[in-house]
C-alpha atoms as a PDB file:
ATOM      1  CA  MET A   1      -0.242  -0.335   0.087  1.00  0.00           C
ATOM      2  CA  LYS A   2       1.242   3.012  -0.876  1.00  0.00           C
ATOM      3  CA  TYR A   3       0.893   5.935   1.699  1.00  0.00           C
ATOM      4  CA  ASN A   4       0.634   9.245   1.483  1.00  0.00           C
ATOM      5  CA  PHE A   5       3.237  11.385   4.071  1.00  0.00           C
ATOM      6  CA  THR A   6       1.729  15.152   5.535  1.00  0.00           C
ATOM      7  CA  LEU A   7       3.457  16.994   8.545  1.00  0.00           C
ATOM      8  CA  LEU A   8       1.760  16.444  12.475  1.00  0.00           C
ATOM      9  CA  THR A   9       3.295  20.527  12.899  1.00  0.00           C
ATOM     10  CA  THR A  10       2.538  20.111  16.644  1.00  0.00           C
ATOM     11  CA  LEU A  11       5.347  17.069  17.311  1.00  0.00           C
ATOM     12  CA  LEU A  12       8.934  18.879  16.534  1.00  0.00           C
ATOM     13  CA  LEU A  13      11.287  15.926  16.642  1.00  0.00           C
ATOM     14  CA  ALA A  14      14.294  15.171  14.440  1.00  0.00           C
ATOM     15  CA  PRO A  15      18.045  15.274  14.614  1.00  0.00           C
ATOM     16  CA  LEU A  16      17.200  11.566  12.500  1.00  0.00           C
ATOM     17  CA  ALA A  17      14.811  12.480   9.277  1.00  0.00           C
ATOM     18  CA  VAL A  18      11.085  12.834  10.855  1.00  0.00           C
ATOM     19  CA  LEU A  19       9.023   9.573   8.396  1.00  0.00           C
ATOM     20  CA  HIS A  20       4.822  10.528   8.721  1.00  0.00           C
ATOM     21  CA  ALA A  21       2.484   8.268   6.811  1.00  0.00           C
ATOM     22  CA  ALA A  22      -1.543   8.817   6.697  1.00  0.00           C
ATOM     23  CA  ALA A  23      -3.600   6.124   5.270  1.00  0.00           C
ATOM     24  CA  PRO A  24      -6.440   7.093   3.194  1.00  0.00           C
ATOM     25  CA  ARG A  25      -8.652   9.500   4.020  1.00  0.00           C
ATOM     26  CA  PRO A  26     -12.652   8.392   5.633  1.00  0.00           C
ATOM     27  CA  ALA A  27     -14.386  10.274   7.813  1.00  0.00           C
ATOM     28  CA  GLY A  28     -13.492  10.100  10.955  1.00  0.00           C
ATOM     29  CA  LYS A  29     -10.680  11.115  13.997  1.00  0.00           C
ATOM     30  CA  PRO A  30      -7.013   9.959  12.650  1.00  0.00           C
ATOM     31  CA  ASN A  31      -5.769   8.303  14.161  1.00  0.00           C
ATOM     32  CA  ILE A  32      -2.223   9.381  15.639  1.00  0.00           C
ATOM     33  CA  ILE A  33       0.749   6.561  15.833  1.00  0.00           C
ATOM     34  CA  VAL A  34       3.941   8.570  17.083  1.00  0.00           C
ATOM     35  CA  ILE A  35       6.989   5.673  17.098  1.00  0.00           C
ATOM     36  CA  LEU A  36      10.122   7.278  18.431  1.00  0.00           C
ATOM     37  CA  THR A  37      13.904   5.783  18.727  1.00  0.00           C
ATOM     38  CA  ASP A  38      16.489   6.787  21.069  1.00  0.00           C
ATOM     39  CA  ASP A  39      19.956   7.515  19.931  1.00  0.00           C
ATOM     40  CA  GLN A  40      19.114   7.319  16.856  1.00  0.00           C
ATOM     41  CA  GLY A  41      20.920  10.828  14.833  1.00  0.00           C
ATOM     42  CA  TYR A  42      20.579  12.113  11.233  1.00  0.00           C
ATOM     43  CA  ALA A  43      23.269   9.584   9.475  1.00  0.00           C
ATOM     44  CA  ASP A  44      21.679   6.509  10.677  1.00  0.00           C
ATOM     45  CA  LEU A  45      19.349   5.960   7.625  1.00  0.00           C
ATOM     46  CA  SER A  46      20.851   5.402   4.600  1.00  0.00           C
ATOM     47  CA  CYS A  47      18.336   6.433   2.593  1.00  0.00           C
ATOM     48  CA  GLN A  48      20.569   9.578   4.046  1.00  0.00           C
ATOM     49  CA  ARG A  49      23.453   8.005   1.934  1.00  0.00           C
ATOM     50  CA  GLN A  50      25.448   9.772   4.898  1.00  0.00           C
ATOM     51  CA  VAL A  51      27.322   6.140   6.226  1.00  0.00           C
ATOM     52  CA  PRO A  52      27.737   2.968   3.393  1.00  0.00           C
ATOM     53  CA  ASP A  53      27.597   0.727   6.231  1.00  0.00           C
ATOM     54  CA  ILE A  54      24.419   1.484   7.659  1.00  0.00           C
ATOM     55  CA  LYS A  55      21.301  -0.620   5.762  1.00  0.00           C
ATOM     56  CA  THR A  56      17.753   0.267   7.216  1.00  0.00           C
ATOM     57  CA  PRO A  57      16.118  -1.083   3.559  1.00  0.00           C
ATOM     58  CA  ASN A  58      12.596  -0.303   5.547  1.00  0.00           C
ATOM     59  CA  LEU A  59      12.483   2.768   6.703  1.00  0.00           C
ATOM     60  CA  ASP A  60      14.402   3.943   3.639  1.00  0.00           C
ATOM     61  CA  PHE A  61      10.850   3.099   1.855  1.00  0.00           C
ATOM     62  CA  LEU A  62       8.654   4.304   3.408  1.00  0.00           C
ATOM     63  CA  ALA A  63      10.392   7.856   3.675  1.00  0.00           C
ATOM     64  CA  GLY A  64      10.939   6.719  -0.443  1.00  0.00           C
ATOM     65  CA  GLN A  65       6.737   6.366  -0.587  1.00  0.00           C
ATOM     66  CA  GLY A  66       6.635   9.999   1.110  1.00  0.00           C
ATOM     67  CA  VAL A  67       8.478  12.951   2.461  1.00  0.00           C
ATOM     68  CA  ARG A  68      11.493  12.812   4.574  1.00  0.00           C
ATOM     69  CA  LEU A  69      11.769  16.461   6.549  1.00  0.00           C
ATOM     70  CA  THR A  70      15.207  16.644   7.186  1.00  0.00           C
ATOM     71  CA  ALA A  71      15.891  20.135   7.975  1.00  0.00           C
ATOM     72  CA  GLY A  72      14.194  19.056  11.589  1.00  0.00           C
ATOM     73  CA  TYR A  73      15.542  19.917  14.803  1.00  0.00           C
ATOM     74  CA  VAL A  74      14.750  18.848  18.556  1.00  0.00           C
ATOM     75  CA  THR A  75      14.528  21.566  21.358  1.00  0.00           C
ATOM     76  CA  ALA A  76      17.775  19.987  23.447  1.00  0.00           C
ATOM     77  CA  PRO A  77      20.484  17.868  22.925  1.00  0.00           C
ATOM     78  CA  GLN A  78      19.423  15.566  25.534  1.00  0.00           C
ATOM     79  CA  CYS A  79      17.013  12.812  25.658  1.00  0.00           C
ATOM     80  CA  SER A  80      14.383  14.138  28.644  1.00  0.00           C
ATOM     81  CA  PRO A  81      14.317  17.886  28.071  1.00  0.00           C
ATOM     82  CA  SER A  82      13.712  16.458  23.646  1.00  0.00           C
ATOM     83  CA  ARG A  83      11.215  14.566  25.625  1.00  0.00           C
ATOM     84  CA  ALA A  84       9.141  17.167  27.002  1.00  0.00           C
ATOM     85  CA  GLY A  85       9.799  19.364  24.594  1.00  0.00           C
ATOM     86  CA  LEU A  86       8.075  16.898  21.723  1.00  0.00           C
ATOM     87  CA  ILE A  87       5.172  15.589  24.701  1.00  0.00           C
ATOM     88  CA  THR A  88       4.039  19.540  26.041  1.00  0.00           C
ATOM     89  CA  GLY A  89       4.576  21.107  22.537  1.00  0.00           C
ATOM     90  CA  ARG A  90       6.032  24.165  24.334  1.00  0.00           C
ATOM     91  CA  TYR A  91       9.253  25.120  24.226  1.00  0.00           C
ATOM     92  CA  GLN A  92      10.430  22.446  27.276  1.00  0.00           C
ATOM     93  CA  GLN A  93      12.997  25.849  28.424  1.00  0.00           C
ATOM     94  CA  LYS A  94       9.405  27.836  30.156  1.00  0.00           C
ATOM     95  CA  PHE A  95       9.163  24.876  32.815  1.00  0.00           C
ATOM     96  CA  GLY A  96      12.842  24.555  34.043  1.00  0.00           C
ATOM     97  CA  LEU A  97      13.428  21.723  32.719  1.00  0.00           C
ATOM     98  CA  ASP A  98      17.218  21.476  30.510  1.00  0.00           C
ATOM     99  CA  ASN A  99      18.949  19.002  31.173  1.00  0.00           C
ATOM    100  CA  ILE A 100      18.231  15.380  32.825  1.00  0.00           C
ATOM    101  CA  ALA A 101      18.945  16.756  36.608  1.00  0.00           C
ATOM    102  CA  ASP A 102      16.127  18.773  35.504  1.00  0.00           C
ATOM    103  CA  ASP A 103      13.276  15.651  35.975  1.00  0.00           C
ATOM    104  CA  PRO A 104      11.103  15.494  36.339  1.00  0.00           C
ATOM    105  CA  MET A 105       8.607  17.228  34.090  1.00  0.00           C
ATOM    106  CA  PRO A 106       6.198  19.367  36.487  1.00  0.00           C
ATOM    107  CA  LEU A 107       2.883  17.715  36.381  1.00  0.00           C
ATOM    108  CA  GLU A 108       1.120  21.052  35.562  1.00  0.00           C
ATOM    109  CA  GLU A 109       1.917  21.180  32.500  1.00  0.00           C
ATOM    110  CA  GLN A 110      -0.434  20.466  29.718  1.00  0.00           C
ATOM    111  CA  THR A 111       0.923  17.602  27.002  1.00  0.00           C
ATOM    112  CA  ILE A 112      -0.825  15.949  24.139  1.00  0.00           C
ATOM    113  CA  PRO A 113      -2.633  13.314  26.132  1.00  0.00           C
ATOM    114  CA  GLU A 114      -4.970  15.105  28.034  1.00  0.00           C
ATOM    115  CA  ARG A 115      -5.672  17.685  24.814  1.00  0.00           C
ATOM    116  CA  LEU A 116      -6.709  14.625  22.502  1.00  0.00           C
ATOM    117  CA  LYS A 117      -8.202  13.151  26.104  1.00  0.00           C
ATOM    118  CA  LYS A 118     -10.581  16.104  24.939  1.00  0.00           C
ATOM    119  CA  ALA A 119     -11.478  15.164  22.068  1.00  0.00           C
ATOM    120  CA  GLY A 120     -13.069  11.630  22.269  1.00  0.00           C
ATOM    121  CA  TYR A 121      -8.971  10.072  22.589  1.00  0.00           C
ATOM    122  CA  VAL A 122      -7.619   7.279  24.767  1.00  0.00           C
ATOM    123  CA  SER A 123      -3.576   7.117  24.334  1.00  0.00           C
ATOM    124  CA  GLY A 124      -1.375   5.177  25.425  1.00  0.00           C
ATOM    125  CA  GLN A 125       2.012   4.764  25.840  1.00  0.00           C
ATOM    126  CA  VAL A 126       4.575   2.032  25.343  1.00  0.00           C
ATOM    127  CA  GLY A 127       8.850   1.332  25.931  1.00  0.00           C
ATOM    128  CA  LYS A 128      10.814   4.246  27.071  1.00  0.00           C
ATOM    129  CA  TRP A 129       9.665   7.603  29.000  1.00  0.00           C
ATOM    130  CA  HIS A 130      12.144   9.043  30.780  1.00  0.00           C
ATOM    131  CA  LEU A 131      10.575  12.533  32.639  1.00  0.00           C
ATOM    132  CA  GLU A 132       9.962  11.413  36.304  1.00  0.00           C
ATOM    133  CA  PRO A 133      12.671  11.450  39.167  1.00  0.00           C
ATOM    134  CA  ASN A 134      16.061  10.328  38.484  1.00  0.00           C
ATOM    135  CA  ALA A 135      18.792   9.449  40.352  1.00  0.00           C
ATOM    136  CA  THR A 136      20.596  13.596  38.784  1.00  0.00           C
ATOM    137  CA  SER A 137      17.446  14.461  40.401  1.00  0.00           C
ATOM    138  CA  VAL A 138      19.486  15.825  43.288  1.00  0.00           C
ATOM    139  CA  LYS A 139      17.715  19.968  43.155  1.00  0.00           C
ATOM    140  CA  TRP A 140      14.057  18.456  43.138  1.00  0.00           C
ATOM    141  CA  ALA A 141      15.103  16.000  45.811  1.00  0.00           C
ATOM    142  CA  ARG A 142      16.415  18.817  48.117  1.00  0.00           C
ATOM    143  CA  LYS A 143      13.028  20.323  47.566  1.00  0.00           C
ATOM    144  CA  ASN A 144      10.386  17.376  48.188  1.00  0.00           C
ATOM    145  CA  LEU A 145      12.580  14.626  49.425  1.00  0.00           C
ATOM    146  CA  PRO A 146      14.920  17.270  52.298  1.00  0.00           C
ATOM    147  CA  GLN A 147      15.716  12.993  53.825  1.00  0.00           C
ATOM    148  CA  ILE A 148      17.421  12.115  51.180  1.00  0.00           C
ATOM    149  CA  LYS A 149      21.155  13.107  50.896  1.00  0.00           C
ATOM    150  CA  PRO A 150      22.859  12.739  47.446  1.00  0.00           C
ATOM    151  CA  SER A 151      25.310  10.084  47.833  1.00  0.00           C
ATOM    152  CA  LYS A 152      29.260  10.810  47.462  1.00  0.00           C
ATOM    153  CA  ASN A 153      29.007  10.539  43.262  1.00  0.00           C
ATOM    154  CA  GLY A 154      26.446  12.979  43.440  1.00  0.00           C
ATOM    155  CA  ARG A 155      23.323  10.943  43.174  1.00  0.00           C
ATOM    156  CA  VAL A 156      20.043  10.123  44.577  1.00  0.00           C
ATOM    157  CA  GLU A 157      17.860   7.039  45.173  1.00  0.00           C
ATOM    158  CA  ILE A 158      14.332   8.386  44.420  1.00  0.00           C
ATOM    159  CA  PRO A 159      11.803   6.142  46.521  1.00  0.00           C
ATOM    160  CA  GLY A 160      10.214   3.835  43.877  1.00  0.00           C
ATOM    161  CA  GLN A 161       6.440   5.567  44.845  1.00  0.00           C
ATOM    162  CA  TYR A 162       7.686   8.403  42.765  1.00  0.00           C
ATOM    163  CA  TYR A 163       8.500   6.800  39.668  1.00  0.00           C
ATOM    164  CA  LYS A 164       5.542   6.285  39.313  1.00  0.00           C
ATOM    165  CA  MET A 165       3.589   9.402  40.758  1.00  0.00           C
ATOM    166  CA  TYR A 166       5.486  10.958  38.118  1.00  0.00           C
ATOM    167  CA  SER A 167       4.540   8.857  35.317  1.00  0.00           C
ATOM    168  CA  ALA A 168       2.944   8.948  31.712  1.00  0.00           C
ATOM    169  CA  LEU A 169      -0.146   8.106  33.908  1.00  0.00           C
ATOM    170  CA  ALA A 170       0.104  11.109  35.771  1.00  0.00           C
ATOM    171  CA  GLN A 171       0.229  13.097  32.388  1.00  0.00           C
ATOM    172  CA  GLY A 172      -2.487  12.220  30.896  1.00  0.00           C
ATOM    173  CA  PHE A 173      -2.276   8.532  28.796  1.00  0.00           C
ATOM    174  CA  ASP A 174      -5.306   6.339  30.310  1.00  0.00           C
ATOM    175  CA  GLU A 175      -3.221   3.393  29.336  1.00  0.00           C
ATOM    176  CA  CYS A 176       0.702   2.490  29.312  1.00  0.00           C
ATOM    177  CA  PHE A 177       3.563  -0.285  29.229  1.00  0.00           C
ATOM    178  CA  GLN A 178       5.721   1.959  30.388  1.00  0.00           C
ATOM    179  CA  GLY A 179      10.030   0.792  30.538  1.00  0.00           C
ATOM    180  CA  GLU A 180      13.248   0.198  28.654  1.00  0.00           C
ATOM    181  CA  ASP A 181      14.189  -2.875  29.434  1.00  0.00           C
ATOM    182  CA  HIS A 182      12.273  -6.147  31.341  1.00  0.00           C
ATOM    183  CA  SER A 183      10.905  -4.511  33.805  1.00  0.00           C
ATOM    184  CA  TYR A 184       7.705  -1.938  32.551  1.00  0.00           C
ATOM    185  CA  LEU A 185       4.868   0.397  34.819  1.00  0.00           C
ATOM    186  CA  ALA A 186       2.096  -1.501  32.862  1.00  0.00           C
ATOM    187  CA  THR A 187      -2.265  -1.050  32.677  1.00  0.00           C
ATOM    188  CA  PHE A 188      -2.554  -4.158  30.555  1.00  0.00           C
ATOM    189  CA  ASP A 189       0.118  -7.528  29.081  1.00  0.00           C
ATOM    190  CA  CYS A 190       1.516  -8.054  25.962  1.00  0.00           C
ATOM    191  CA  ASP A 191      -1.451 -10.354  25.040  1.00  0.00           C
ATOM    192  CA  GLY A 192      -3.128  -7.100  25.949  1.00  0.00           C
ATOM    193  CA  ASN A 193      -5.401  -8.632  28.549  1.00  0.00           C
ATOM    194  CA  THR A 194      -5.805  -5.732  31.428  1.00  0.00           C
ATOM    195  CA  LEU A 195      -3.850  -4.776  34.707  1.00  0.00           C
ATOM    196  CA  ASP A 196      -4.140  -3.344  37.268  1.00  0.00           C
ATOM    197  CA  PRO A 197      -5.198   0.319  35.345  1.00  0.00           C
ATOM    198  CA  HIS A 198      -3.048   2.332  38.112  1.00  0.00           C
ATOM    199  CA  GLY A 199      -0.269   0.365  36.518  1.00  0.00           C
ATOM    200  CA  THR A 200       1.714  -2.449  37.985  1.00  0.00           C
ATOM    201  CA  ILE A 201       4.959  -3.177  38.047  1.00  0.00           C
ATOM    202  CA  VAL A 202       5.259  -6.026  35.286  1.00  0.00           C
ATOM    203  CA  LYS A 203       8.425  -8.624  34.104  1.00  0.00           C
ATOM    204  CA  GLN A 204       8.834  -9.570  30.764  1.00  0.00           C
ATOM    205  CA  PRO A 205      11.905 -11.373  29.806  1.00  0.00           C
ATOM    206  CA  GLY A 206      13.086 -10.691  26.124  1.00  0.00           C
ATOM    207  CA  TYR A 207      14.247  -8.257  23.585  1.00  0.00           C
ATOM    208  CA  ARG A 208      13.782  -4.928  24.629  1.00  0.00           C
ATOM    209  CA  LEU A 209      12.729  -3.691  21.161  1.00  0.00           C
ATOM    210  CA  GLU A 210      10.325  -6.573  20.354  1.00  0.00           C
ATOM    211  CA  THR A 211       8.763  -6.514  24.172  1.00  0.00           C
ATOM    212  CA  GLN A 212       8.081  -2.703  23.454  1.00  0.00           C
ATOM    213  CA  THR A 213       5.799  -3.825  19.888  1.00  0.00           C
ATOM    214  CA  ALA A 214       4.810  -6.605  21.322  1.00  0.00           C
ATOM    215  CA  ALA A 215       3.012  -4.106  23.683  1.00  0.00           C
ATOM    216  CA  ALA A 216       2.271  -1.480  21.478  1.00  0.00           C
ATOM    217  CA  LEU A 217       0.223  -4.681  18.744  1.00  0.00           C
ATOM    218  CA  ALA A 218      -1.580  -4.879  22.342  1.00  0.00           C
ATOM    219  CA  PHE A 219      -2.466  -1.921  22.953  1.00  0.00           C
ATOM    220  CA  LEU A 220      -3.863  -1.706  19.328  1.00  0.00           C
ATOM    221  CA  LYS A 221      -5.449  -4.927  20.005  1.00  0.00           C
ATOM    222  CA  ARG A 222      -7.630  -3.720  23.051  1.00  0.00           C
ATOM    223  CA  HIS A 223      -8.600   0.454  20.996  1.00  0.00           C
ATOM    224  CA  HIS A 224      -8.340  -0.322  17.169  1.00  0.00           C
ATOM    225  CA  ASP A 225     -12.829   0.825  17.299  1.00  0.00           C
ATOM    226  CA  GLN A 226     -11.857   4.687  18.901  1.00  0.00           C
ATOM    227  CA  PRO A 227      -9.908   7.403  18.089  1.00  0.00           C
ATOM    228  CA  PHE A 228      -6.579   6.965  19.511  1.00  0.00           C
ATOM    229  CA  PHE A 229      -2.276   7.877  20.389  1.00  0.00           C
ATOM    230  CA  LEU A 230      -0.377   5.470  20.610  1.00  0.00           C
ATOM    231  CA  TYR A 231       3.433   6.847  21.654  1.00  0.00           C
ATOM    232  CA  LEU A 232       6.387   4.072  20.566  1.00  0.00           C
ATOM    233  CA  ALA A 233       9.152   4.959  22.667  1.00  0.00           C
ATOM    234  CA  TYR A 234      12.358   2.014  21.503  1.00  0.00           C
ATOM    235  CA  TYR A 235      14.828   2.004  24.181  1.00  0.00           C
ATOM    236  CA  GLY A 236      17.135   2.170  20.655  1.00  0.00           C
ATOM    237  CA  PRO A 237      19.550   1.388  19.537  1.00  0.00           C
ATOM    238  CA  HIS A 238      20.718   3.711  23.317  1.00  0.00           C
ATOM    239  CA  VAL A 239      22.651   1.079  24.457  1.00  0.00           C
ATOM    240  CA  PRO A 240      23.452  -0.606  26.340  1.00  0.00           C
ATOM    241  CA  LEU A 241      23.605  -2.487  22.627  1.00  0.00           C
ATOM    242  CA  GLU A 242      22.343  -5.883  23.644  1.00  0.00           C
ATOM    243  CA  PRO A 243      21.874  -8.216  20.475  1.00  0.00           C
ATOM    244  CA  PRO A 244      19.148 -10.526  20.202  1.00  0.00           C
ATOM    245  CA  ARG A 245      20.951 -13.843  20.343  1.00  0.00           C
ATOM    246  CA  ASN A 246      19.736 -14.245  16.728  1.00  0.00           C
ATOM    247  CA  ILE A 247      21.215 -11.259  15.413  1.00  0.00           C
ATOM    248  CA  SER A 248      24.800 -12.322  14.540  1.00  0.00           C
ATOM    249  CA  PRO A 249      26.632 -14.938  15.936  1.00  0.00           C
ATOM    250  CA  ASP A 250      29.805 -12.799  16.369  1.00  0.00           C
ATOM    251  CA  SER A 251      28.579 -10.137  18.151  1.00  0.00           C
ATOM    252  CA  PRO A 252      31.318  -7.941  20.488  1.00  0.00           C
ATOM    253  CA  GLU A 253      29.999  -7.041  22.967  1.00  0.00           C
ATOM    254  CA  ARG A 254      28.547  -5.003  24.695  1.00  0.00           C
ATOM    255  CA  CYS A 255      31.006  -1.648  26.492  1.00  0.00           C
ATOM    256  CA  PRO A 256      29.922  -2.076  29.316  1.00  0.00           C
ATOM    257  CA  ASN A 257      29.685   1.976  30.885  1.00  0.00           C
ATOM    258  CA  ALA A 258      29.385   3.339  27.207  1.00  0.00           C
ATOM    259  CA  ALA A 259      27.211   5.324  27.727  1.00  0.00           C
ATOM    260  CA  ALA A 260      29.812   7.164  30.422  1.00  0.00           C
ATOM    261  CA  THR A 261      32.881   6.526  28.115  1.00  0.00           C
ATOM    262  CA  PRO A 262      31.551   6.164  24.578  1.00  0.00           C
ATOM    263  CA  SER A 263      35.686   8.161  23.585  1.00  0.00           C
ATOM    264  CA  ARG A 264      36.628   4.494  24.184  1.00  0.00           C
ATOM    265  CA  CYS A 265      33.904   2.511  23.792  1.00  0.00           C
ATOM    266  CA  PHE A 266      34.197   3.809  19.753  1.00  0.00           C
ATOM    267  CA  PRO A 267      35.355   0.819  18.587  1.00  0.00           C
ATOM    268  CA  ARG A 268      32.509  -1.873  20.479  1.00  0.00           C
ATOM    269  CA  LEU A 269      30.025   0.470  19.829  1.00  0.00           C
ATOM    270  CA  THR A 270      30.579   1.139  16.332  1.00  0.00           C
ATOM    271  CA  THR A 271      30.138  -2.341  14.751  1.00  0.00           C
ATOM    272  CA  VAL A 272      27.363  -2.698  17.212  1.00  0.00           C
ATOM    273  CA  SER A 273      24.741  -0.749  16.357  1.00  0.00           C
ATOM    274  CA  VAL A 274      25.931  -0.875  12.605  1.00  0.00           C
ATOM    275  CA  LYS A 275      24.660  -4.641  12.907  1.00  0.00           C
ATOM    276  CA  LEU A 276      22.182  -3.418  15.287  1.00  0.00           C
ATOM    277  CA  LEU A 277      20.491  -1.209  13.376  1.00  0.00           C
ATOM    278  CA  PRO A 278      18.627  -3.451  11.129  1.00  0.00           C
ATOM    279  CA  ARG A 279      16.930  -4.763  13.204  1.00  0.00           C
ATOM    280  CA  SER A 280      15.487  -1.926  14.535  1.00  0.00           C
ATOM    281  CA  ASP A 281      14.581  -1.154  11.356  1.00  0.00           C
ATOM    282  CA  ASN A 282      12.557  -4.378  10.772  1.00  0.00           C
ATOM    283  CA  ILE A 283      11.635  -3.940  13.619  1.00  0.00           C
ATOM    284  CA  ILE A 284       9.572  -0.242  13.776  1.00  0.00           C
ATOM    285  CA  SER A 285       8.291  -1.923  10.090  1.00  0.00           C
ATOM    286  CA  ILE A 286       7.012  -4.602  11.714  1.00  0.00           C
ATOM    287  CA  THR A 287       4.769  -2.700  14.225  1.00  0.00           C
ATOM    288  CA  ILE A 288       3.991  -0.208  10.930  1.00  0.00           C
ATOM    289  CA  ARG A 289       3.135  -2.969   8.710  1.00  0.00           C
ATOM    290  CA  SER A 290       0.744  -4.108  11.903  1.00  0.00           C
ATOM    291  CA  CYS A 291      -0.711  -0.919  12.235  1.00  0.00           C
ATOM    292  CA  PHE A 292      -1.713  -0.432   8.727  1.00  0.00           C
ATOM    293  CA  SER A 293      -3.112  -3.994   8.475  1.00  0.00           C
ATOM    294  CA  ARG A 294      -5.262  -3.270  11.404  1.00  0.00           C
ATOM    295  CA  LEU A 295      -6.047   0.192  11.018  1.00  0.00           C
ATOM    296  CA  THR A 296      -6.111   1.175   7.385  1.00  0.00           C
ATOM    297  CA  THR A 297     -10.316  -0.101   7.244  1.00  0.00           C
ATOM    298  CA  VAL A 298     -11.165   1.408  10.424  1.00  0.00           C
ATOM    299  CA  ARG A 299     -10.600   5.502   9.805  1.00  0.00           C
ATOM    300  CA  ARG A 300      -8.159   6.547   8.477  1.00  0.00           C
ATOM    301  CA  SER A 301      -4.220   7.298  10.824  1.00  0.00           C
ATOM    302  CA  ARG A 302      -0.954   9.167  11.107  1.00  0.00           C
ATOM    303  CA  LEU A 303       2.525   8.091  11.451  1.00  0.00           C
ATOM    304  CA  LEU A 304       5.409   9.697  12.704  1.00  0.00           C
ATOM    305  CA  VAL A 305       8.824   8.615  13.217  1.00  0.00           C
ATOM    306  CA  GLY A 306      11.751  10.536  14.891  1.00  0.00           C
ATOM    307  CA  SER A 307      14.437  10.268  17.435  1.00  0.00           C
ATOM    308  CA  PRO A 308      15.059  13.249  20.448  1.00  0.00           C
ATOM    309  CA  ARG A 309      18.767  13.163  19.889  1.00  0.00           C
ATOM    310  CA  ARG A 310      22.497  11.943  18.259  1.00  0.00           C
ATOM    311  CA  ILE A 311      24.029   8.671  18.545  1.00  0.00           C
ATOM    312  CA  TYR A 312      28.219   8.393  19.686  1.00  0.00           C
ATOM    313  CA  TYR A 313      29.668   8.495  15.935  1.00  0.00           C
ATOM    314  CA  ARG A 314      28.914  10.124  12.547  1.00  0.00           C
END
């Protein structure tokens, strides 16, 4: 099927080219699907013709069917502020979230799902959130949890209940499968079964991108017959670079502490990343095909694919 590509102007993504598809347009409210990869740079698509070793044929096909937004820029070079700008549609500096240490995002900020709720949408978040308190949120902890003192390395240990208090569920999403690797705050499971609507911790083994894809498709299964907003934030190809066992038997081991010392790990990061990008490309294409195979006969659907920041190599 050939898709028409348009831009959701509310959403500012990028160093990665942003790809947005719209299915045929019957009457009714469009479904909105935002797929966000993590640490995938502008050059990390083969359709950009920057790095010959990188092969992403599925996203290249999607780009070839529509529009590549090659001059889009994120509002920050760091993960949390960039995501805050995306989900609110505002410059995050206006509410004091300039870097990851400024998390959590203030609960009073109005988000896209909160706006869409007024229009009759159900909203779901899957994958990485990264707008809750974290170990570097020292300033927030000093104000809100004065009994907690920073460790020798300047970090704080945030009690678990505060992650839930600032989760996607607290920012307008009706459902979530929120997490990065094997532990998720979830209101439904990967088979589409309902769990605690306030969220419960689910331990899910397996390759993280495949888990997040399964959760996204479960959300579609639950809500394919009503207008919805799905925010699918993959935790990849971000470190740790853990390829699934079937991707390549000779893949190098991941580099320990790669996020903290990328220059020392550069050769292995580059090698593993080049092998992982086609895997990410394939998983995203499976998600897209599944989405549209289920939805195009129901109502028009709009798809946006992008990345909130950069990767370690150029």
